[in-house]
Amino acid sequence: MPGYQIFYARRPTFHPSGAFGILRLTTATIQSTHVRLCHLEADRLDDAWQQMQAEHWSPNGEARPLLERLGLSHTSMSVGDVIRDEDGTYWECLDVGWSPLEDDTKKRN
């Protein structure tokens, strides 16, 4: 089963990046805008998203201490959060579906 890295937005806007003048999220900016929360195994991105809904991984608030320690304010994966797949592609969660992040790390010298 594929493995995924889960990254939550430090300051969630619940809008896809680039919308409403929000800075466009890229692979080079993710370290300053997101926190790596965990690794999980799932068949697809949508399955990973489902596992990261509060009713599945923190039904009684078990995640609250971890989230507070990481400086995060939301439990369920939401618009603007990111999943990294085994191929190294980062996927931004949208209102419906996913969008791959631009890989601008190779443009840096």
PDB file of N, CA and C in Angstrom:
ATOM      1  N   MET A   1       0.842  -1.175   0.000  1.00  0.00           N
ATOM      2  CA  MET A   1       0.000   0.000   0.000  1.00  0.00           C
ATOM      3  C   MET A   1       0.894   1.248   0.000  1.00  0.00           C
ATOM      4  N   PRO A   2       0.557   2.236  -0.814  1.00  0.00           N
ATOM      5  CA  PRO A   2       1.372   3.456  -0.887  1.00  0.00           C
ATOM      6  C   PRO A   2       1.403   4.229   0.434  1.00  0.00           C
ATOM      7  N   GLY A   3       2.519   4.925   0.652  1.00  0.00           N
ATOM      8  CA  GLY A   3       2.658   5.769   1.826  1.00  0.00           C
ATOM      9  C   GLY A   3       2.554   7.235   1.450  1.00  0.00           C
ATOM     10  N   TYR A   4       2.006   8.034   2.332  1.00  0.00           N
ATOM     11  CA  TYR A   4       1.810   9.465   2.100  1.00  0.00           C
ATOM     12  C   TYR A   4       2.292  10.264   3.308  1.00  0.00           C
ATOM     13  N   GLN A   5       2.907  11.415   3.037  1.00  0.00           N
ATOM     14  CA  GLN A   5       3.278  12.369   4.075  1.00  0.00           C
ATOM     15  C   GLN A   5       2.177  13.423   4.121  1.00  0.00           C
ATOM     16  N   ILE A   6       1.733  13.742   5.321  1.00  0.00           N
ATOM     17  CA  ILE A   6       0.641  14.696   5.503  1.00  0.00           C
ATOM     18  C   ILE A   6       1.199  16.009   6.045  1.00  0.00           C
ATOM     19  N   PHE A   7       0.867  17.110   5.393  1.00  0.00           N
ATOM     20  CA  PHE A   7       1.298  18.445   5.794  1.00  0.00           C
ATOM     21  C   PHE A   7       0.062  19.314   5.995  1.00  0.00           C
ATOM     22  N   TYR A   8      -0.051  19.919   7.179  1.00  0.00           N
ATOM     23  CA  TYR A   8      -1.160  20.821   7.464  1.00  0.00           C
ATOM     24  C   TYR A   8      -0.662  22.260   7.402  1.00  0.00           C
ATOM     25  N   ALA A   9      -1.528  23.142   6.913  1.00  0.00           N
ATOM     26  CA  ALA A   9      -1.205  24.566   6.826  1.00  0.00           C
ATOM     27  C   ALA A   9      -1.064  25.169   8.218  1.00  0.00           C
ATOM     28  N   ARG A  10      -0.005  25.966   8.403  1.00  0.00           N
ATOM     29  CA  ARG A  10       0.210  26.650   9.679  1.00  0.00           C
ATOM     30  C   ARG A  10      -0.906  27.658   9.951  1.00  0.00           C
ATOM     31  N   ARG A  11      -1.304  28.359   8.911  1.00  0.00           N
ATOM     32  CA  ARG A  11      -2.382  29.351   9.009  1.00  0.00           C
ATOM     33  C   ARG A  11      -3.399  29.040   7.918  1.00  0.00           C
ATOM     34  N   PRO A  12      -4.303  28.121   8.194  1.00  0.00           N
ATOM     35  CA  PRO A  12      -5.234  27.706   7.142  1.00  0.00           C
ATOM     36  C   PRO A  12      -6.147  28.836   6.699  1.00  0.00           C
ATOM     37  N   THR A  13      -6.326  28.934   5.401  1.00  0.00           N
ATOM     38  CA  THR A  13      -7.243  29.922   4.835  1.00  0.00           C
ATOM     39  C   THR A  13      -8.506  29.248   4.333  1.00  0.00           C
ATOM     40  N   PHE A  14      -8.431  27.926   4.125  1.00  0.00           N
ATOM     41  CA  PHE A  14      -9.528  27.147   3.576  1.00  0.00           C
ATOM     42  C   PHE A  14      -9.912  27.635   2.184  1.00  0.00           C
ATOM     43  N   HIS A  15      -8.926  28.222   1.495  1.00  0.00           N
ATOM     44  CA  HIS A  15      -9.037  28.583   0.085  1.00  0.00           C
ATOM     45  C   HIS A  15      -7.817  27.983  -0.595  1.00  0.00           C
ATOM     46  N   PRO A  16      -7.962  27.520  -1.842  1.00  0.00           N
ATOM     47  CA  PRO A  16      -6.776  27.009  -2.535  1.00  0.00           C
ATOM     48  C   PRO A  16      -5.750  28.124  -2.704  1.00  0.00           C
ATOM     49  N   SER A  17      -4.475  27.771  -2.688  1.00  0.00           N
ATOM     50  CA  SER A  17      -3.440  28.790  -2.833  1.00  0.00           C
ATOM     51  C   SER A  17      -3.610  29.501  -4.163  1.00  0.00           C
ATOM     52  N   GLY A  18      -3.305  30.771  -4.162  1.00  0.00           N
ATOM     53  CA  GLY A  18      -3.462  31.589  -5.355  1.00  0.00           C
ATOM     54  C   GLY A  18      -4.834  32.253  -5.432  1.00  0.00           C
ATOM     55  N   ALA A  19      -5.819  31.765  -4.687  1.00  0.00           N
ATOM     56  CA  ALA A  19      -7.149  32.361  -4.687  1.00  0.00           C
ATOM     57  C   ALA A  19      -7.162  33.595  -3.797  1.00  0.00           C
ATOM     58  N   PHE A  20      -7.915  34.592  -4.182  1.00  0.00           N
ATOM     59  CA  PHE A  20      -8.103  35.802  -3.379  1.00  0.00           C
ATOM     60  C   PHE A  20      -6.779  36.464  -3.017  1.00  0.00           C
ATOM     61  N   GLY A  21      -5.783  36.364  -3.889  1.00  0.00           N
ATOM     62  CA  GLY A  21      -4.499  37.007  -3.645  1.00  0.00           C
ATOM     63  C   GLY A  21      -3.600  36.269  -2.680  1.00  0.00           C
ATOM     64  N   ILE A  22      -3.969  35.043  -2.287  1.00  0.00           N
ATOM     65  CA  ILE A  22      -3.149  34.252  -1.376  1.00  0.00           C
ATOM     66  C   ILE A  22      -1.914  33.776  -2.129  1.00  0.00           C
ATOM     67  N   LEU A  23      -0.759  33.866  -1.498  1.00  0.00           N
ATOM     68  CA  LEU A  23       0.494  33.437  -2.104  1.00  0.00           C
ATOM     69  C   LEU A  23       0.378  32.034  -2.659  1.00  0.00           C
ATOM     70  N   ARG A  24       0.858  31.848  -3.880  1.00  0.00           N
ATOM     71  CA  ARG A  24       0.808  30.529  -4.523  1.00  0.00           C
ATOM     72  C   ARG A  24       1.748  29.580  -3.805  1.00  0.00           C
ATOM     73  N   LEU A  25       1.219  28.449  -3.393  1.00  0.00           N
ATOM     74  CA  LEU A  25       1.986  27.426  -2.695  1.00  0.00           C
ATOM     75  C   LEU A  25       2.810  26.641  -3.701  1.00  0.00           C
ATOM     76  N   THR A  26       4.095  26.431  -3.398  1.00  0.00           N
ATOM     77  CA  THR A  26       4.981  25.644  -4.244  1.00  0.00           C
ATOM     78  C   THR A  26       5.828  24.737  -3.354  1.00  0.00           C
ATOM     79  N   THR A  27       6.592  23.855  -3.978  1.00  0.00           N
ATOM     80  CA  THR A  27       7.445  22.971  -3.188  1.00  0.00           C
ATOM     81  C   THR A  27       8.517  23.747  -2.429  1.00  0.00           C
ATOM     82  N   ALA A  28       8.900  24.901  -2.919  1.00  0.00           N
ATOM     83  CA  ALA A  28       9.924  25.696  -2.238  1.00  0.00           C
ATOM     84  C   ALA A  28       9.368  26.446  -1.028  1.00  0.00           C
ATOM     85  N   THR A  29       8.076  26.721  -1.011  1.00  0.00           N
ATOM     86  CA  THR A  29       7.502  27.498   0.092  1.00  0.00           C
ATOM     87  C   THR A  29       6.825  26.634   1.144  1.00  0.00           C
ATOM     88  N   ILE A  30       6.627  25.371   0.871  1.00  0.00           N
ATOM     89  CA  ILE A  30       5.838  24.529   1.782  1.00  0.00           C
ATOM     90  C   ILE A  30       6.446  24.423   3.181  1.00  0.00           C
ATOM     91  N   GLN A  31       7.770  24.438   3.295  1.00  0.00           N
ATOM     92  CA  GLN A  31       8.385  24.311   4.621  1.00  0.00           C
ATOM     93  C   GLN A  31       8.071  25.495   5.526  1.00  0.00           C
ATOM     94  N   SER A  32       7.800  26.658   4.936  1.00  0.00           N
ATOM     95  CA  SER A  32       7.475  27.822   5.763  1.00  0.00           C
ATOM     96  C   SER A  32       5.975  27.990   5.973  1.00  0.00           C
ATOM     97  N   THR A  33       5.163  27.341   5.154  1.00  0.00           N
ATOM     98  CA  THR A  33       3.719  27.519   5.243  1.00  0.00           C
ATOM     99  C   THR A  33       2.985  26.343   5.873  1.00  0.00           C
ATOM    100  N   HIS A  34       3.647  25.174   5.936  1.00  0.00           N
ATOM    101  CA  HIS A  34       3.001  23.950   6.401  1.00  0.00           C
ATOM    102  C   HIS A  34       3.872  23.215   7.413  1.00  0.00           C
ATOM    103  N   VAL A  35       3.242  22.330   8.170  1.00  0.00           N
ATOM    104  CA  VAL A  35       3.927  21.492   9.145  1.00  0.00           C
ATOM    105  C   VAL A  35       3.674  20.042   8.759  1.00  0.00           C
ATOM    106  N   ARG A  36       4.745  19.238   8.751  1.00  0.00           N
ATOM    107  CA  ARG A  36       4.568  17.801   8.505  1.00  0.00           C
ATOM    108  C   ARG A  36       3.916  17.207   9.738  1.00  0.00           C
ATOM    109  N   LEU A  37       2.758  16.596   9.541  1.00  0.00           N
ATOM    110  CA  LEU A  37       1.984  16.059  10.649  1.00  0.00           C
ATOM    111  C   LEU A  37       2.241  14.575  10.861  1.00  0.00           C
ATOM    112  N   CYS A  38       2.239  13.790   9.771  1.00  0.00           N
ATOM    113  CA  CYS A  38       2.393  12.352   9.945  1.00  0.00           C
ATOM    114  C   CYS A  38       2.634  11.661   8.603  1.00  0.00           C
ATOM    115  N   HIS A  39       2.847  10.368   8.695  1.00  0.00           N
ATOM    116  CA  HIS A  39       2.946   9.475   7.537  1.00  0.00           C
ATOM    117  C   HIS A  39       1.833   8.454   7.697  1.00  0.00           C
ATOM    118  N   LEU A  40       1.183   8.123   6.594  1.00  0.00           N
ATOM    119  CA  LEU A  40       0.157   7.078   6.662  1.00  0.00           C
ATOM    120  C   LEU A  40       0.141   6.290   5.364  1.00  0.00           C
ATOM    121  N   GLU A  41      -0.473   5.137   5.428  1.00  0.00           N
ATOM    122  CA  GLU A  41      -0.621   4.301   4.245  1.00  0.00           C
ATOM    123  C   GLU A  41      -2.067   4.335   3.797  1.00  0.00           C
ATOM    124  N   ALA A  42      -2.255   4.462   2.480  1.00  0.00           N
ATOM    125  CA  ALA A  42      -3.589   4.512   1.892  1.00  0.00           C
ATOM    126  C   ALA A  42      -3.482   4.103   0.427  1.00  0.00           C
ATOM    127  N   ASP A  43      -4.589   3.706  -0.141  1.00  0.00           N
ATOM    128  CA  ASP A  43      -4.592   3.303  -1.542  1.00  0.00           C
ATOM    129  C   ASP A  43      -4.507   4.480  -2.504  1.00  0.00           C
ATOM    130  N   ARG A  44      -5.148   5.606  -2.134  1.00  0.00           N
ATOM    131  CA  ARG A  44      -5.212   6.779  -3.007  1.00  0.00           C
ATOM    132  C   ARG A  44      -5.200   8.050  -2.159  1.00  0.00           C
ATOM    133  N   LEU A  45      -5.029   9.190  -2.820  1.00  0.00           N
ATOM    134  CA  LEU A  45      -5.080  10.474  -2.118  1.00  0.00           C
ATOM    135  C   LEU A  45      -6.394  10.637  -1.364  1.00  0.00           C
ATOM    136  N   ASP A  46      -7.497  10.302  -2.009  1.00  0.00           N
ATOM    137  CA  ASP A  46      -8.799  10.461  -1.357  1.00  0.00           C
ATOM    138  C   ASP A  46      -8.929   9.588  -0.117  1.00  0.00           C
ATOM    139  N   ASP A  47      -8.316   8.413  -0.142  1.00  0.00           N
ATOM    140  CA  ASP A  47      -8.345   7.548   1.040  1.00  0.00           C
ATOM    141  C   ASP A  47      -7.518   8.159   2.174  1.00  0.00           C
ATOM    142  N   ALA A  48      -6.382   8.749   1.823  1.00  0.00           N
ATOM    143  CA  ALA A  48      -5.556   9.426   2.834  1.00  0.00           C
ATOM    144  C   ALA A  48      -6.336  10.596   3.435  1.00  0.00           C
ATOM    145  N   TRP A  49      -7.024  11.366   2.580  1.00  0.00           N
ATOM    146  CA  TRP A  49      -7.846  12.485   3.063  1.00  0.00           C
ATOM    147  C   TRP A  49      -8.887  11.977   4.057  1.00  0.00           C
ATOM    148  N   GLN A  50      -9.550  10.886   3.703  1.00  0.00           N
ATOM    149  CA  GLN A  50     -10.584  10.330   4.573  1.00  0.00           C
ATOM    150  C   GLN A  50     -10.006   9.927   5.934  1.00  0.00           C
ATOM    151  N   GLN A  51      -8.817   9.327   5.931  1.00  0.00           N
ATOM    152  CA  GLN A  51      -8.182   8.927   7.186  1.00  0.00           C
ATOM    153  C   GLN A  51      -7.847  10.134   8.057  1.00  0.00           C
ATOM    154  N   MET A  52      -7.651  11.304   7.436  1.00  0.00           N
ATOM    155  CA  MET A  52      -7.263  12.498   8.178  1.00  0.00           C
ATOM    156  C   MET A  52      -8.455  13.354   8.604  1.00  0.00           C
ATOM    157  N   GLN A  53      -9.661  12.817   8.509  1.00  0.00           N
ATOM    158  CA  GLN A  53     -10.828  13.516   9.043  1.00  0.00           C
ATOM    159  C   GLN A  53     -10.913  13.216  10.541  1.00  0.00           C
ATOM    160  N   ALA A  54     -11.275  14.204  11.311  1.00  0.00           N
ATOM    161  CA  ALA A  54     -11.252  14.104  12.779  1.00  0.00           C
ATOM    162  C   ALA A  54     -12.002  12.893  13.305  1.00  0.00           C
ATOM    163  N   GLU A  55     -13.116  12.562  12.692  1.00  0.00           N
ATOM    164  CA  GLU A  55     -13.903  11.448  13.212  1.00  0.00           C
ATOM    165  C   GLU A  55     -13.187  10.109  13.067  1.00  0.00           C
ATOM    166  N   HIS A  56     -12.144  10.070  12.234  1.00  0.00           N
ATOM    167  CA  HIS A  56     -11.380   8.833  12.058  1.00  0.00           C
ATOM    168  C   HIS A  56     -10.117   8.789  12.922  1.00  0.00           C
ATOM    169  N   TRP A  57      -9.339   9.872  12.936  1.00  0.00           N
ATOM    170  CA  TRP A  57      -8.057   9.791  13.632  1.00  0.00           C
ATOM    171  C   TRP A  57      -8.045  10.493  14.983  1.00  0.00           C
ATOM    172  N   SER A  58      -9.111  11.196  15.302  1.00  0.00           N
ATOM    173  CA  SER A  58      -9.184  11.854  16.603  1.00  0.00           C
ATOM    174  C   SER A  58     -10.633  12.020  17.049  1.00  0.00           C
ATOM    175  N   PRO A  59     -11.388  10.923  17.106  1.00  0.00           N
ATOM    176  CA  PRO A  59     -12.819  11.047  17.403  1.00  0.00           C
ATOM    177  C   PRO A  59     -13.132  11.613  18.787  1.00  0.00           C
ATOM    178  N   ASN A  60     -12.215  11.489  19.721  1.00  0.00           N
ATOM    179  CA  ASN A  60     -12.442  12.007  21.079  1.00  0.00           C
ATOM    180  C   ASN A  60     -11.440  13.092  21.467  1.00  0.00           C
ATOM    181  N   GLY A  61     -10.877  13.749  20.450  1.00  0.00           N
ATOM    182  CA  GLY A  61      -9.921  14.824  20.713  1.00  0.00           C
ATOM    183  C   GLY A  61      -8.518  14.359  21.041  1.00  0.00           C
ATOM    184  N   GLU A  62      -8.198  13.092  20.732  1.00  0.00           N
ATOM    185  CA  GLU A  62      -6.873  12.546  21.060  1.00  0.00           C
ATOM    186  C   GLU A  62      -5.731  13.329  20.406  1.00  0.00           C
ATOM    187  N   ALA A  63      -5.987  13.948  19.268  1.00  0.00           N
ATOM    188  CA  ALA A  63      -4.927  14.648  18.531  1.00  0.00           C
ATOM    189  C   ALA A  63      -4.665  16.058  19.050  1.00  0.00           C
ATOM    190  N   ARG A  64      -5.515  16.566  19.899  1.00  0.00           N
ATOM    191  CA  ARG A  64      -5.394  17.953  20.354  1.00  0.00           C
ATOM    192  C   ARG A  64      -4.001  18.288  20.908  1.00  0.00           C
ATOM    193  N   PRO A  65      -3.403  17.476  21.793  1.00  0.00           N
ATOM    194  CA  PRO A  65      -2.064  17.811  22.301  1.00  0.00           C
ATOM    195  C   PRO A  65      -0.999  17.852  21.184  1.00  0.00           C
ATOM    196  N   LEU A  66      -1.059  16.912  20.243  1.00  0.00           N
ATOM    197  CA  LEU A  66      -0.108  16.908  19.128  1.00  0.00           C
ATOM    198  C   LEU A  66      -0.279  18.155  18.273  1.00  0.00           C
ATOM    199  N   LEU A  67      -1.504  18.485  17.937  1.00  0.00           N
ATOM    200  CA  LEU A  67      -1.767  19.660  17.109  1.00  0.00           C
ATOM    201  C   LEU A  67      -1.294  20.935  17.797  1.00  0.00           C
ATOM    202  N   GLU A  68      -1.557  21.063  19.078  1.00  0.00           N
ATOM    203  CA  GLU A  68      -1.112  22.243  19.826  1.00  0.00           C
ATOM    204  C   GLU A  68       0.408  22.326  19.855  1.00  0.00           C
ATOM    205  N   ARG A  69       1.073  21.184  20.078  1.00  0.00           N
ATOM    206  CA  ARG A  69       2.537  21.157  20.113  1.00  0.00           C
ATOM    207  C   ARG A  69       3.135  21.594  18.768  1.00  0.00           C
ATOM    208  N   LEU A  70       2.457  21.247  17.681  1.00  0.00           N
ATOM    209  CA  LEU A  70       2.941  21.610  16.336  1.00  0.00           C
ATOM    210  C   LEU A  70       2.477  22.996  15.898  1.00  0.00           C
ATOM    211  N   GLY A  71       1.674  23.658  16.718  1.00  0.00           N
ATOM    212  CA  GLY A  71       1.182  24.988  16.388  1.00  0.00           C
ATOM    213  C   GLY A  71       0.066  24.973  15.353  1.00  0.00           C
ATOM    214  N   LEU A  72      -0.666  23.869  15.288  1.00  0.00           N
ATOM    215  CA  LEU A  72      -1.749  23.742  14.316  1.00  0.00           C
ATOM    216  C   LEU A  72      -3.097  23.966  14.993  1.00  0.00           C
ATOM    217  N   SER A  73      -4.073  24.401  14.200  1.00  0.00           N
ATOM    218  CA  SER A  73      -5.361  24.745  14.787  1.00  0.00           C
ATOM    219  C   SER A  73      -6.535  23.936  14.252  1.00  0.00           C
ATOM    220  N   HIS A  74      -6.296  23.017  13.329  1.00  0.00           N
ATOM    221  CA  HIS A  74      -7.409  22.229  12.795  1.00  0.00           C
ATOM    222  C   HIS A  74      -7.064  20.742  12.800  1.00  0.00           C
ATOM    223  N   THR A  75      -8.075  19.921  13.013  1.00  0.00           N
ATOM    224  CA  THR A  75      -7.887  18.480  13.118  1.00  0.00           C
ATOM    225  C   THR A  75      -8.120  17.783  11.787  1.00  0.00           C
ATOM    226  N   SER A  76      -9.182  18.125  11.096  1.00  0.00           N
ATOM    227  CA  SER A  76      -9.505  17.478   9.826  1.00  0.00           C
ATOM    228  C   SER A  76      -8.729  18.094   8.675  1.00  0.00           C
ATOM    229  N   MET A  77      -8.261  17.252   7.760  1.00  0.00           N
ATOM    230  CA  MET A  77      -7.603  17.748   6.558  1.00  0.00           C
ATOM    231  C   MET A  77      -8.594  18.606   5.790  1.00  0.00           C
ATOM    232  N   SER A  78      -8.115  19.780   5.347  1.00  0.00           N
ATOM    233  CA  SER A  78      -8.978  20.767   4.713  1.00  0.00           C
ATOM    234  C   SER A  78      -8.311  21.357   3.485  1.00  0.00           C
ATOM    235  N   VAL A  79      -9.058  22.198   2.785  1.00  0.00           N
ATOM    236  CA  VAL A  79      -8.535  22.914   1.624  1.00  0.00           C
ATOM    237  C   VAL A  79      -7.262  23.648   2.021  1.00  0.00           C
ATOM    238  N   GLY A  80      -6.222  23.494   1.211  1.00  0.00           N
ATOM    239  CA  GLY A  80      -4.942  24.145   1.478  1.00  0.00           C
ATOM    240  C   GLY A  80      -3.930  23.247   2.155  1.00  0.00           C
ATOM    241  N   ASP A  81      -4.378  22.139   2.752  1.00  0.00           N
ATOM    242  CA  ASP A  81      -3.445  21.166   3.307  1.00  0.00           C
ATOM    243  C   ASP A  81      -2.839  20.369   2.153  1.00  0.00           C
ATOM    244  N   VAL A  82      -1.771  19.628   2.432  1.00  0.00           N
ATOM    245  CA  VAL A  82      -0.981  19.007   1.365  1.00  0.00           C
ATOM    246  C   VAL A  82      -0.648  17.561   1.705  1.00  0.00           C
ATOM    247  N   ILE A  83      -0.626  16.732   0.675  1.00  0.00           N
ATOM    248  CA  ILE A  83      -0.166  15.347   0.780  1.00  0.00           C
ATOM    249  C   ILE A  83       0.997  15.156  -0.188  1.00  0.00           C
ATOM    250  N   ARG A  84       2.070  14.503   0.281  1.00  0.00           N
ATOM    251  CA  ARG A  84       3.201  14.145  -0.583  1.00  0.00           C
ATOM    252  C   ARG A  84       3.130  12.643  -0.830  1.00  0.00           C
ATOM    253  N   ASP A  85       3.119  12.271  -2.113  1.00  0.00           N
ATOM    254  CA  ASP A  85       3.031  10.845  -2.430  1.00  0.00           C
ATOM    255  C   ASP A  85       4.424  10.215  -2.487  1.00  0.00           C
ATOM    256  N   GLU A  86       4.476   8.918  -2.717  1.00  0.00           N
ATOM    257  CA  GLU A  86       5.750   8.191  -2.731  1.00  0.00           C
ATOM    258  C   GLU A  86       6.667   8.612  -3.869  1.00  0.00           C
ATOM    259  N   ASP A  87       6.096   9.197  -4.933  1.00  0.00           N
ATOM    260  CA  ASP A  87       6.905   9.674  -6.056  1.00  0.00           C
ATOM    261  C   ASP A  87       7.504  11.044  -5.788  1.00  0.00           C
ATOM    262  N   GLY A  88       7.130  11.659  -4.652  1.00  0.00           N
ATOM    263  CA  GLY A  88       7.656  12.969  -4.301  1.00  0.00           C
ATOM    264  C   GLY A  88       6.801  14.128  -4.780  1.00  0.00           C
ATOM    265  N   THR A  89       5.653  13.831  -5.359  1.00  0.00           N
ATOM    266  CA  THR A  89       4.749  14.889  -5.810  1.00  0.00           C
ATOM    267  C   THR A  89       3.924  15.371  -4.623  1.00  0.00           C
ATOM    268  N   TYR A  90       3.842  16.686  -4.481  1.00  0.00           N
ATOM    269  CA  TYR A  90       3.030  17.307  -3.442  1.00  0.00           C
ATOM    270  C   TYR A  90       1.682  17.669  -4.053  1.00  0.00           C
ATOM    271  N   TRP A  91       0.606  17.317  -3.352  1.00  0.00           N
ATOM    272  CA  TRP A  91      -0.755  17.557  -3.827  1.00  0.00           C
ATOM    273  C   TRP A  91      -1.494  18.453  -2.851  1.00  0.00           C
ATOM    274  N   GLU A  92      -1.975  19.584  -3.338  1.00  0.00           N
ATOM    275  CA  GLU A  92      -2.761  20.498  -2.506  1.00  0.00           C
ATOM    276  C   GLU A  92      -4.222  20.072  -2.529  1.00  0.00           C
ATOM    277  N   CYS A  93      -4.824  20.013  -1.362  1.00  0.00           N
ATOM    278  CA  CYS A  93      -6.236  19.695  -1.237  1.00  0.00           C
ATOM    279  C   CYS A  93      -7.064  20.899  -1.702  1.00  0.00           C
ATOM    280  N   LEU A  94      -7.972  20.658  -2.641  1.00  0.00           N
ATOM    281  CA  LEU A  94      -8.861  21.696  -3.160  1.00  0.00           C
ATOM    282  C   LEU A  94     -10.277  21.462  -2.645  1.00  0.00           C
ATOM    283  N   ASP A  95     -11.196  22.364  -2.986  1.00  0.00           N
ATOM    284  CA  ASP A  95     -12.601  22.163  -2.629  1.00  0.00           C
ATOM    285  C   ASP A  95     -13.095  20.821  -3.168  1.00  0.00           C
ATOM    286  N   VAL A  96     -12.704  20.518  -4.383  1.00  0.00           N
ATOM    287  CA  VAL A  96     -13.020  19.239  -5.015  1.00  0.00           C
ATOM    288  C   VAL A  96     -11.757  18.772  -5.716  1.00  0.00           C
ATOM    289  N   GLY A  97     -11.171  17.700  -5.236  1.00  0.00           N
ATOM    290  CA  GLY A  97     -10.000  17.131  -5.886  1.00  0.00           C
ATOM    291  C   GLY A  97      -8.675  17.666  -5.371  1.00  0.00           C
ATOM    292  N   TRP A  98      -7.662  17.525  -6.221  1.00  0.00           N
ATOM    293  CA  TRP A  98      -6.280  17.803  -5.850  1.00  0.00           C
ATOM    294  C   TRP A  98      -5.575  18.552  -6.972  1.00  0.00           C
ATOM    295  N   SER A  99      -4.579  19.341  -6.611  1.00  0.00           N
ATOM    296  CA  SER A  99      -3.757  20.037  -7.599  1.00  0.00           C
ATOM    297  C   SER A  99      -2.294  19.814  -7.233  1.00  0.00           C
ATOM    298  N   PRO A 100      -1.459  19.359  -8.209  1.00  0.00           N
ATOM    299  CA  PRO A 100      -0.039  19.183  -7.893  1.00  0.00           C
ATOM    300  C   PRO A 100       0.631  20.536  -7.689  1.00  0.00           C
ATOM    301  N   LEU A 101       1.544  20.596  -6.724  1.00  0.00           N
ATOM    302  CA  LEU A 101       2.284  21.838  -6.499  1.00  0.00           C
ATOM    303  C   LEU A 101       3.362  21.980  -7.549  1.00  0.00           C
ATOM    304  N   GLU A 102       3.621  23.215  -7.916  1.00  0.00           N
ATOM    305  CA  GLU A 102       4.727  23.502  -8.823  1.00  0.00           C
ATOM    306  C   GLU A 102       6.028  23.162  -8.103  1.00  0.00           C
ATOM    307  N   ASP A 103       6.893  22.409  -8.768  1.00  0.00           N
ATOM    308  CA  ASP A 103       8.188  22.053  -8.187  1.00  0.00           C
ATOM    309  C   ASP A 103       9.199  23.101  -8.621  1.00  0.00           C
ATOM    310  N   ASP A 104       9.333  24.145  -7.817  1.00  0.00           N
ATOM    311  CA  ASP A 104      10.273  25.216  -8.160  1.00  0.00           C
ATOM    312  C   ASP A 104      11.582  25.092  -7.401  1.00  0.00           C
ATOM    313  N   THR A 105      11.809  23.977  -6.724  1.00  0.00           N
ATOM    314  CA  THR A 105      13.070  23.790  -6.006  1.00  0.00           C
ATOM    315  C   THR A 105      14.226  23.624  -6.975  1.00  0.00           C
ATOM    316  N   LYS A 106      13.984  23.123  -8.167  1.00  0.00           N
ATOM    317  CA  LYS A 106      15.049  22.912  -9.152  1.00  0.00           C
ATOM    318  C   LYS A 106      15.450  24.208  -9.835  1.00  0.00           C
ATOM    319  N   LYS A 107      14.641  25.253  -9.717  1.00  0.00           N
ATOM    320  CA  LYS A 107      14.935  26.544 -10.333  1.00  0.00           C
ATOM    321  C   LYS A 107      15.924  27.345  -9.508  1.00  0.00           C
ATOM    322  N   ARG A 108      16.101  26.963  -8.242  1.00  0.00           N
ATOM    323  CA  ARG A 108      17.018  27.694  -7.351  1.00  0.00           C
ATOM    324  C   ARG A 108      18.452  27.323  -7.645  1.00  0.00           C
ATOM    325  N   ASN A 109      19.314  28.282  -7.597  1.00  0.00           N
ATOM    326  CA  ASN A 109      20.762  28.032  -7.807  1.00  0.00           C
ATOM    327  C   ASN A 109      21.528  28.333  -6.558  1.00  0.00           C
TER     328      ASN A 109
END
